[in-house]
Amino acid sequence: MTFTDAKQRFSTRVADYVRYRPSYPSALLDLLRAECILRPGHVIADIGSGTGFFSELFLKNGNRVYGVEPNKDMRQAGEEYLASYDGFSSIDGSAEATALDDASVDFVTAGQSFHWFEPDAARREFVRILKPGGWMVIAWNDRRMEEAPCTRAYEDILERFGIDYKNVKDSYPEADRIQGFLSTSSERDLPNHQILDWDSLRGRLRSSSFSPTEGHPNYAPMMEELRKLFDAYQQDGQVRMDYFTRVYFGHMKAGA
């Protein structure tokens, strides 16, 4: 998988992504206030901002946010989603070329996007745009499977029918990779979940970049298995998808 391919993968999934992807818990802001002294006056560069979920968390905190997104369809969806926030600016750019000024931001953030970056070029760019002492925050929602049988069954469907699920899953950032990207780093896990009816569960699956689209040989059997999952685990017409939001935060320096 090339990084160019990665930047185009979600173009056909924007509507489902906006409606059905999980957001981020407000406890993430509490964590950053306590550990990184996050304040409303800080300027945020949200890299791979997509449809705007992670950016919105900081906008609600009163921050100025530059959403940097290379995919045109995702970027436009983010602009529409965040149109009511005066503090949001949308930028056609990437982790490797943000178009932001030198030493112009206090935080660089990446929500559900770090694994798409080209590490060396992204590190150079982030060091360039961060103010001295600035912070990098990396977060993503990961399914919590150990004590959640519904979530385990959903994972099994992805493994059986996803087009290139293993490649994407293997690209998710591991601790040692992030610790090599940052000069200092700390890690926290925060609880998160979604409550989904049948239409929402279908949309959640379709929003994934590795999910086969309608017309693909895997699509119909995948949806059949998803229906079986829903019927087995639903209560009052809803299922619960459990996640943890994993957060890394730290500083950067050239050549880390």
C-alpha atoms as a PDB file:
ATOM      1  CA  MET A   1       0.000   0.000   0.000  1.00  0.00           C
ATOM      2  CA  THR A   2       1.413   3.389  -0.978  1.00  0.00           C
ATOM      3  CA  PHE A   3       0.800   6.603   0.932  1.00  0.00           C
ATOM      4  CA  THR A   4      -0.790   8.056  -2.224  1.00  0.00           C
ATOM      5  CA  ASP A   5      -3.309   5.197  -2.212  1.00  0.00           C
ATOM      6  CA  ALA A   6      -3.964   5.801   1.476  1.00  0.00           C
ATOM      7  CA  LYS A   7      -4.884   9.435   0.833  1.00  0.00           C
ATOM      8  CA  GLN A   8      -7.630   8.380  -1.609  1.00  0.00           C
ATOM      9  CA  ARG A   9      -9.026   5.315   0.162  1.00  0.00           C
ATOM     10  CA  PHE A  10     -11.959   7.040   1.863  1.00  0.00           C
ATOM     11  CA  SER A  11     -13.349   9.015  -1.090  1.00  0.00           C
ATOM     12  CA  THR A  12     -16.290   6.628  -1.620  1.00  0.00           C
ATOM     13  CA  ARG A  13     -17.013   6.269   2.115  1.00  0.00           C
ATOM     14  CA  VAL A  14     -17.368   9.847   3.266  1.00  0.00           C
ATOM     15  CA  ALA A  15     -21.111   9.815   3.993  1.00  0.00           C
ATOM     16  CA  ASP A  16     -20.901   6.672   6.130  1.00  0.00           C
ATOM     17  CA  TYR A  17     -17.750   7.962   7.861  1.00  0.00           C
ATOM     18  CA  VAL A  18     -19.468  11.195   8.915  1.00  0.00           C
ATOM     19  CA  ARG A  19     -22.568   9.449  10.230  1.00  0.00           C
ATOM     20  CA  TYR A  20     -21.252   6.263  11.804  1.00  0.00           C
ATOM     21  CA  ARG A  21     -17.630   6.507  12.954  1.00  0.00           C
ATOM     22  CA  PRO A  22     -17.013   6.805  16.709  1.00  0.00           C
ATOM     23  CA  SER A  23     -15.969  10.176  18.078  1.00  0.00           C
ATOM     24  CA  TYR A  24     -13.513  10.793  20.929  1.00  0.00           C
ATOM     25  CA  PRO A  25     -14.311  10.981  24.656  1.00  0.00           C
ATOM     26  CA  SER A  26     -14.250  14.343  26.396  1.00  0.00           C
ATOM     27  CA  ALA A  27     -11.907  12.763  28.955  1.00  0.00           C
ATOM     28  CA  LEU A  28      -9.181  13.151  26.311  1.00  0.00           C
ATOM     29  CA  LEU A  29      -9.327  16.921  26.823  1.00  0.00           C
ATOM     30  CA  ASP A  30      -9.085  16.455  30.592  1.00  0.00           C
ATOM     31  CA  LEU A  31      -5.983  14.322  30.040  1.00  0.00           C
ATOM     32  CA  LEU A  32      -4.308  16.923  27.818  1.00  0.00           C
ATOM     33  CA  ARG A  33      -5.184  19.765  30.179  1.00  0.00           C
ATOM     34  CA  ALA A  34      -3.548  17.888  33.033  1.00  0.00           C
ATOM     35  CA  GLU A  35      -0.503  16.464  31.226  1.00  0.00           C
ATOM     36  CA  CYS A  36       0.200  18.969  28.437  1.00  0.00           C
ATOM     37  CA  ILE A  37      -1.292  22.122  30.014  1.00  0.00           C
ATOM     38  CA  LEU A  38      -3.677  22.462  27.060  1.00  0.00           C
ATOM     39  CA  ARG A  39      -5.375  25.883  27.094  1.00  0.00           C
ATOM     40  CA  PRO A  40      -8.021  27.494  24.858  1.00  0.00           C
ATOM     41  CA  GLY A  41      -5.409  29.906  23.485  1.00  0.00           C
ATOM     42  CA  HIS A  42      -3.289  27.138  21.991  1.00  0.00           C
ATOM     43  CA  VAL A  43      -3.202  26.654  18.215  1.00  0.00           C
ATOM     44  CA  ILE A  44      -3.754  23.133  16.897  1.00  0.00           C
ATOM     45  CA  ALA A  45      -2.676  21.561  13.600  1.00  0.00           C
ATOM     46  CA  ASP A  46      -4.903  18.502  13.198  1.00  0.00           C
ATOM     47  CA  ILE A  47      -3.201  16.316  10.592  1.00  0.00           C
ATOM     48  CA  GLY A  48      -5.392  14.015   8.539  1.00  0.00           C
ATOM     49  CA  SER A  49      -8.388  15.870   9.967  1.00  0.00           C
ATOM     50  CA  GLY A  50     -10.830  14.048   7.689  1.00  0.00           C
ATOM     51  CA  THR A  51     -14.458  14.718   8.498  1.00  0.00           C
ATOM     52  CA  GLY A  52     -13.563  16.758  11.574  1.00  0.00           C
ATOM     53  CA  PHE A  53     -14.252  14.572  14.619  1.00  0.00           C
ATOM     54  CA  PHE A  54     -10.904  15.131  16.322  1.00  0.00           C
ATOM     55  CA  SER A  55     -10.765  18.794  15.309  1.00  0.00           C
ATOM     56  CA  GLU A  56     -14.180  19.358  16.887  1.00  0.00           C
ATOM     57  CA  LEU A  57     -12.924  18.192  20.273  1.00  0.00           C
ATOM     58  CA  PHE A  58     -10.390  21.053  20.310  1.00  0.00           C
ATOM     59  CA  LEU A  59     -12.781  23.592  18.789  1.00  0.00           C
ATOM     60  CA  LYS A  60     -15.175  22.911  21.664  1.00  0.00           C
ATOM     61  CA  ASN A  61     -12.257  23.668  23.986  1.00  0.00           C
ATOM     62  CA  GLY A  62     -11.906  27.103  22.380  1.00  0.00           C
ATOM     63  CA  ASN A  63      -8.783  26.328  20.343  1.00  0.00           C
ATOM     64  CA  ARG A  64      -7.869  27.646  16.913  1.00  0.00           C
ATOM     65  CA  VAL A  65      -7.634  24.546  14.678  1.00  0.00           C
ATOM     66  CA  TYR A  66      -6.031  24.106  11.273  1.00  0.00           C
ATOM     67  CA  GLY A  67      -7.417  20.939   9.720  1.00  0.00           C
ATOM     68  CA  VAL A  68      -4.884  19.514   7.255  1.00  0.00           C
ATOM     69  CA  GLU A  69      -6.445  16.894   4.971  1.00  0.00           C
ATOM     70  CA  PRO A  70      -5.176  15.594   1.594  1.00  0.00           C
ATOM     71  CA  ASN A  71      -8.380  13.856   0.478  1.00  0.00           C
ATOM     72  CA  LYS A  72     -10.716  16.328  -1.260  1.00  0.00           C
ATOM     73  CA  ASP A  73     -13.962  14.536  -0.374  1.00  0.00           C
ATOM     74  CA  MET A  74     -13.039  14.082   3.264  1.00  0.00           C
ATOM     75  CA  ARG A  75     -11.827  17.679   3.481  1.00  0.00           C
ATOM     76  CA  GLN A  76     -15.092  19.036   2.079  1.00  0.00           C
ATOM     77  CA  ALA A  77     -17.090  16.880   4.497  1.00  0.00           C
ATOM     78  CA  GLY A  78     -15.026  18.287   7.374  1.00  0.00           C
ATOM     79  CA  GLU A  79     -15.623  21.845   6.173  1.00  0.00           C
ATOM     80  CA  GLU A  80     -19.381  21.218   6.159  1.00  0.00           C
ATOM     81  CA  TYR A  81     -19.372  19.445   9.514  1.00  0.00           C
ATOM     82  CA  LEU A  82     -17.382  22.221  11.229  1.00  0.00           C
ATOM     83  CA  ALA A  83     -18.916  25.187   9.387  1.00  0.00           C
ATOM     84  CA  SER A  84     -20.375  26.622  12.597  1.00  0.00           C
ATOM     85  CA  TYR A  85     -16.933  26.983  14.248  1.00  0.00           C
ATOM     86  CA  ASP A  86     -15.192  30.300  13.528  1.00  0.00           C
ATOM     87  CA  GLY A  87     -11.913  28.886  14.833  1.00  0.00           C
ATOM     88  CA  PHE A  88     -11.579  26.227  12.125  1.00  0.00           C
ATOM     89  CA  SER A  89      -9.507  26.621   8.963  1.00  0.00           C
ATOM     90  CA  SER A  90      -9.372  23.879   6.342  1.00  0.00           C
ATOM     91  CA  ILE A  91      -6.089  23.254   4.508  1.00  0.00           C
ATOM     92  CA  ASP A  92      -5.387  21.158   1.439  1.00  0.00           C
ATOM     93  CA  GLY A  93      -2.194  19.557   2.682  1.00  0.00           C
ATOM     94  CA  SER A  94      -0.680  16.418   4.148  1.00  0.00           C
ATOM     95  CA  ALA A  95       1.454  15.263   7.064  1.00  0.00           C
ATOM     96  CA  GLU A  96       4.496  15.589   4.857  1.00  0.00           C
ATOM     97  CA  ALA A  97       3.574  19.058   3.505  1.00  0.00           C
ATOM     98  CA  THR A  98       1.138  20.957   5.739  1.00  0.00           C
ATOM     99  CA  ALA A  99       1.504  24.420   4.109  1.00  0.00           C
ATOM    100  CA  LEU A 100       1.666  25.916   7.636  1.00  0.00           C
ATOM    101  CA  ASP A 101       4.262  28.475   8.714  1.00  0.00           C
ATOM    102  CA  ASP A 102       7.389  27.682  10.716  1.00  0.00           C
ATOM    103  CA  ALA A 103       6.853  27.559  14.502  1.00  0.00           C
ATOM    104  CA  SER A 104       3.165  28.426  14.102  1.00  0.00           C
ATOM    105  CA  VAL A 105       1.327  25.823  16.232  1.00  0.00           C
ATOM    106  CA  ASP A 106       1.376  24.653  19.848  1.00  0.00           C
ATOM    107  CA  PHE A 107       0.041  21.141  19.207  1.00  0.00           C
ATOM    108  CA  VAL A 108       0.191  18.754  16.270  1.00  0.00           C
ATOM    109  CA  THR A 109      -2.564  16.150  16.549  1.00  0.00           C
ATOM    110  CA  ALA A 110      -3.404  13.005  14.612  1.00  0.00           C
ATOM    111  CA  GLY A 111      -6.706  11.239  15.266  1.00  0.00           C
ATOM    112  CA  GLN A 112      -7.011   7.867  13.515  1.00  0.00           C
ATOM    113  CA  SER A 113      -4.475   8.967  10.899  1.00  0.00           C
ATOM    114  CA  PHE A 114      -0.906   8.424  12.117  1.00  0.00           C
ATOM    115  CA  HIS A 115      -0.532   5.060  10.363  1.00  0.00           C
ATOM    116  CA  TRP A 116      -0.996   6.744   6.975  1.00  0.00           C
ATOM    117  CA  PHE A 117       1.996   9.096   7.396  1.00  0.00           C
ATOM    118  CA  GLU A 118       5.433   8.710   5.827  1.00  0.00           C
ATOM    119  CA  PRO A 119       7.334   8.855   9.133  1.00  0.00           C
ATOM    120  CA  ASP A 120      10.579  10.625   8.257  1.00  0.00           C
ATOM    121  CA  ALA A 121       8.999  13.338   6.120  1.00  0.00           C
ATOM    122  CA  ALA A 122       6.170  13.848   8.623  1.00  0.00           C
ATOM    123  CA  ARG A 123       8.607  14.192  11.543  1.00  0.00           C
ATOM    124  CA  ARG A 124      10.588  16.869   9.700  1.00  0.00           C
ATOM    125  CA  GLU A 125       7.405  18.753   8.895  1.00  0.00           C
ATOM    126  CA  PHE A 126       6.030  18.593  12.435  1.00  0.00           C
ATOM    127  CA  VAL A 127       9.309  19.776  13.947  1.00  0.00           C
ATOM    128  CA  ARG A 128       9.211  22.686  11.499  1.00  0.00           C
ATOM    129  CA  ILE A 129       5.680  23.883  12.305  1.00  0.00           C
ATOM    130  CA  LEU A 130       5.738  23.322  16.081  1.00  0.00           C
ATOM    131  CA  LYS A 131       6.682  26.135  18.423  1.00  0.00           C
ATOM    132  CA  PRO A 132       9.532  25.388  20.846  1.00  0.00           C
ATOM    133  CA  GLY A 133       8.198  23.076  23.534  1.00  0.00           C
ATOM    134  CA  GLY A 134       5.158  22.165  21.428  1.00  0.00           C
ATOM    135  CA  TRP A 135       3.333  18.855  21.784  1.00  0.00           C
ATOM    136  CA  MET A 136       2.420  15.979  19.480  1.00  0.00           C
ATOM    137  CA  VAL A 137      -0.768  14.039  20.294  1.00  0.00           C
ATOM    138  CA  ILE A 138      -1.593  10.760  18.546  1.00  0.00           C
ATOM    139  CA  ALA A 139      -4.951   9.079  19.212  1.00  0.00           C
ATOM    140  CA  TRP A 140      -7.094   6.364  17.721  1.00  0.00           C
ATOM    141  CA  ASN A 141     -10.086   4.252  18.652  1.00  0.00           C
ATOM    142  CA  ASP A 142      -9.308   0.546  18.948  1.00  0.00           C
ATOM    143  CA  ARG A 143     -11.923  -2.134  19.470  1.00  0.00           C
ATOM    144  CA  ARG A 144     -11.899  -3.606  22.980  1.00  0.00           C
ATOM    145  CA  MET A 145     -12.356  -7.326  22.399  1.00  0.00           C
ATOM    146  CA  GLU A 146     -11.180  -9.132  25.499  1.00  0.00           C
ATOM    147  CA  GLU A 147     -14.433  -8.728  27.451  1.00  0.00           C
ATOM    148  CA  ALA A 148     -16.797  -7.801  24.581  1.00  0.00           C
ATOM    149  CA  PRO A 149     -18.081 -10.809  22.567  1.00  0.00           C
ATOM    150  CA  CYS A 150     -20.025  -8.607  20.117  1.00  0.00           C
ATOM    151  CA  THR A 151     -16.879  -6.661  19.315  1.00  0.00           C
ATOM    152  CA  ARG A 152     -14.901  -9.899  18.869  1.00  0.00           C
ATOM    153  CA  ALA A 153     -17.523 -11.200  16.442  1.00  0.00           C
ATOM    154  CA  TYR A 154     -17.345  -7.946  14.469  1.00  0.00           C
ATOM    155  CA  GLU A 155     -13.564  -8.299  14.255  1.00  0.00           C
ATOM    156  CA  ASP A 156     -13.991 -11.807  12.886  1.00  0.00           C
ATOM    157  CA  ILE A 157     -16.204 -10.462  10.075  1.00  0.00           C
ATOM    158  CA  LEU A 158     -13.520  -7.935   9.163  1.00  0.00           C
ATOM    159  CA  GLU A 159     -10.863 -10.628   9.055  1.00  0.00           C
ATOM    160  CA  ARG A 160     -13.008 -12.912   6.887  1.00  0.00           C
ATOM    161  CA  PHE A 161     -14.395 -10.414   4.394  1.00  0.00           C
ATOM    162  CA  GLY A 162     -12.193  -7.290   4.501  1.00  0.00           C
ATOM    163  CA  ILE A 163     -10.381  -6.680   1.223  1.00  0.00           C
ATOM    164  CA  ASP A 164      -6.982  -5.880   2.750  1.00  0.00           C
ATOM    165  CA  TYR A 165      -7.815  -5.739   6.427  1.00  0.00           C
ATOM    166  CA  LYS A 166      -4.626  -7.462   7.557  1.00  0.00           C
ATOM    167  CA  ASN A 167      -2.432  -4.931   5.719  1.00  0.00           C
ATOM    168  CA  VAL A 168      -4.278  -1.984   7.260  1.00  0.00           C
ATOM    169  CA  LYS A 169      -4.364  -3.559  10.720  1.00  0.00           C
ATOM    170  CA  ASP A 170      -0.647  -4.326  10.549  1.00  0.00           C
ATOM    171  CA  SER A 171       0.003  -0.658   9.731  1.00  0.00           C
ATOM    172  CA  TYR A 172      -1.624   0.563  12.963  1.00  0.00           C
ATOM    173  CA  PRO A 173       1.058   2.222  15.083  1.00  0.00           C
ATOM    174  CA  GLU A 174       2.756   0.122  17.718  1.00  0.00           C
ATOM    175  CA  ALA A 175       4.267   1.627  20.855  1.00  0.00           C
ATOM    176  CA  ASP A 176       7.862   1.273  19.689  1.00  0.00           C
ATOM    177  CA  ARG A 177       7.103   2.990  16.384  1.00  0.00           C
ATOM    178  CA  ILE A 178       5.518   5.983  18.109  1.00  0.00           C
ATOM    179  CA  GLN A 179       8.253   6.138  20.721  1.00  0.00           C
ATOM    180  CA  GLY A 180      10.726   6.290  17.860  1.00  0.00           C
ATOM    181  CA  PHE A 181       8.747   9.126  16.278  1.00  0.00           C
ATOM    182  CA  LEU A 182       8.659  11.232  19.455  1.00  0.00           C
ATOM    183  CA  SER A 183      11.630  12.266  21.547  1.00  0.00           C
ATOM    184  CA  THR A 184       9.526  11.826  24.718  1.00  0.00           C
ATOM    185  CA  SER A 185       6.197  10.033  24.976  1.00  0.00           C
ATOM    186  CA  SER A 186       3.529   8.937  27.425  1.00  0.00           C
ATOM    187  CA  GLU A 187       0.568   6.624  26.800  1.00  0.00           C
ATOM    188  CA  ARG A 188      -2.979   6.426  28.182  1.00  0.00           C
ATOM    189  CA  ASP A 189      -6.091   4.393  27.352  1.00  0.00           C
ATOM    190  CA  LEU A 190      -9.551   5.937  27.764  1.00  0.00           C
ATOM    191  CA  PRO A 191     -12.862   4.018  27.590  1.00  0.00           C
ATOM    192  CA  ASN A 192     -15.146   4.711  24.629  1.00  0.00           C
ATOM    193  CA  HIS A 193     -18.132   3.021  22.971  1.00  0.00           C
ATOM    194  CA  GLN A 194     -20.929   3.321  20.416  1.00  0.00           C
ATOM    195  CA  ILE A 195     -24.576   2.265  20.625  1.00  0.00           C
ATOM    196  CA  LEU A 196     -25.687   1.180  17.145  1.00  0.00           C
ATOM    197  CA  ASP A 197     -28.990   0.136  15.596  1.00  0.00           C
ATOM    198  CA  TRP A 198     -28.976  -2.068  12.488  1.00  0.00           C
ATOM    199  CA  ASP A 199     -28.605   0.773   9.983  1.00  0.00           C
ATOM    200  CA  SER A 200     -25.815   2.336  12.053  1.00  0.00           C
ATOM    201  CA  LEU A 201     -23.948  -0.957  12.344  1.00  0.00           C
ATOM    202  CA  ARG A 202     -24.116  -1.427   8.574  1.00  0.00           C
ATOM    203  CA  GLY A 203     -22.887   2.121   8.038  1.00  0.00           C
ATOM    204  CA  ARG A 204     -20.084   1.647  10.552  1.00  0.00           C
ATOM    205  CA  LEU A 205     -18.817  -1.350   8.610  1.00  0.00           C
ATOM    206  CA  ARG A 206     -19.163   0.352   5.222  1.00  0.00           C
ATOM    207  CA  SER A 207     -17.157   3.355   6.478  1.00  0.00           C
ATOM    208  CA  SER A 208     -13.978   1.265   6.807  1.00  0.00           C
ATOM    209  CA  SER A 209     -11.436   1.625   4.024  1.00  0.00           C
ATOM    210  CA  PHE A 210     -10.983  -2.156   3.802  1.00  0.00           C
ATOM    211  CA  SER A 211     -14.711  -2.987   3.635  1.00  0.00           C
ATOM    212  CA  PRO A 212     -15.852  -4.322   0.244  1.00  0.00           C
ATOM    213  CA  THR A 213     -18.328  -2.075  -1.539  1.00  0.00           C
ATOM    214  CA  GLU A 214     -21.675  -3.136  -2.961  1.00  0.00           C
ATOM    215  CA  GLY A 215     -21.133  -5.311  -6.019  1.00  0.00           C
ATOM    216  CA  HIS A 216     -17.934  -6.901  -4.680  1.00  0.00           C
ATOM    217  CA  PRO A 217     -18.218 -10.702  -4.191  1.00  0.00           C
ATOM    218  CA  ASN A 218     -17.538 -10.313  -0.454  1.00  0.00           C
ATOM    219  CA  TYR A 219     -20.207  -7.663   0.142  1.00  0.00           C
ATOM    220  CA  ALA A 220     -23.376  -9.786   0.317  1.00  0.00           C
ATOM    221  CA  PRO A 221     -21.938 -12.574   2.511  1.00  0.00           C
ATOM    222  CA  MET A 222     -20.346  -9.945   4.755  1.00  0.00           C
ATOM    223  CA  MET A 223     -23.680  -8.223   5.309  1.00  0.00           C
ATOM    224  CA  GLU A 224     -25.374 -11.580   5.906  1.00  0.00           C
ATOM    225  CA  GLU A 225     -22.888 -12.364   8.669  1.00  0.00           C
ATOM    226  CA  LEU A 226     -23.285  -8.859  10.088  1.00  0.00           C
ATOM    227  CA  ARG A 227     -27.058  -9.380  10.284  1.00  0.00           C
ATOM    228  CA  LYS A 228     -26.491 -12.630  12.197  1.00  0.00           C
ATOM    229  CA  LEU A 229     -24.205 -10.755  14.590  1.00  0.00           C
ATOM    230  CA  PHE A 230     -26.791  -8.049  15.146  1.00  0.00           C
ATOM    231  CA  ASP A 231     -29.599 -10.531  15.781  1.00  0.00           C
ATOM    232  CA  ALA A 232     -27.443 -12.486  18.229  1.00  0.00           C
ATOM    233  CA  TYR A 233     -26.287  -9.540  20.330  1.00  0.00           C
ATOM    234  CA  GLN A 234     -28.957  -6.838  19.998  1.00  0.00           C
ATOM    235  CA  GLN A 235     -30.955  -5.669  22.973  1.00  0.00           C
ATOM    236  CA  ASP A 236     -33.970  -3.476  22.259  1.00  0.00           C
ATOM    237  CA  GLY A 237     -32.792  -3.132  18.654  1.00  0.00           C
ATOM    238  CA  GLN A 238     -29.265  -1.952  19.474  1.00  0.00           C
ATOM    239  CA  VAL A 239     -25.777  -3.362  19.948  1.00  0.00           C
ATOM    240  CA  ARG A 240     -22.866  -1.895  21.867  1.00  0.00           C
ATOM    241  CA  MET A 241     -19.436  -1.582  20.241  1.00  0.00           C
ATOM    242  CA  ASP A 242     -16.714  -1.178  22.865  1.00  0.00           C
ATOM    243  CA  TYR A 243     -13.473   0.694  22.199  1.00  0.00           C
ATOM    244  CA  PHE A 244     -10.591   2.199  24.042  1.00  0.00           C
ATOM    245  CA  THR A 245      -9.183   5.490  22.828  1.00  0.00           C
ATOM    246  CA  ARG A 246      -5.410   5.094  22.941  1.00  0.00           C
ATOM    247  CA  VAL A 247      -3.538   8.365  23.361  1.00  0.00           C
ATOM    248  CA  TYR A 248       0.180   9.072  22.975  1.00  0.00           C
ATOM    249  CA  PHE A 249       1.547  12.524  23.742  1.00  0.00           C
ATOM    250  CA  GLY A 250       5.042  13.948  23.854  1.00  0.00           C
ATOM    251  CA  HIS A 251       7.599  16.306  22.382  1.00  0.00           C
ATOM    252  CA  MET A 252       9.521  16.176  19.156  1.00  0.00           C
ATOM    253  CA  LYS A 253      12.981  17.141  18.056  1.00  0.00           C
ATOM    254  CA  ALA A 254      14.829  16.859  14.788  1.00  0.00           C
ATOM    255  CA  GLY A 255      16.393  13.454  14.297  1.00  0.00           C
ATOM    256  CA  ALA A 256      14.369  11.824  17.110  1.00  0.00           C
END
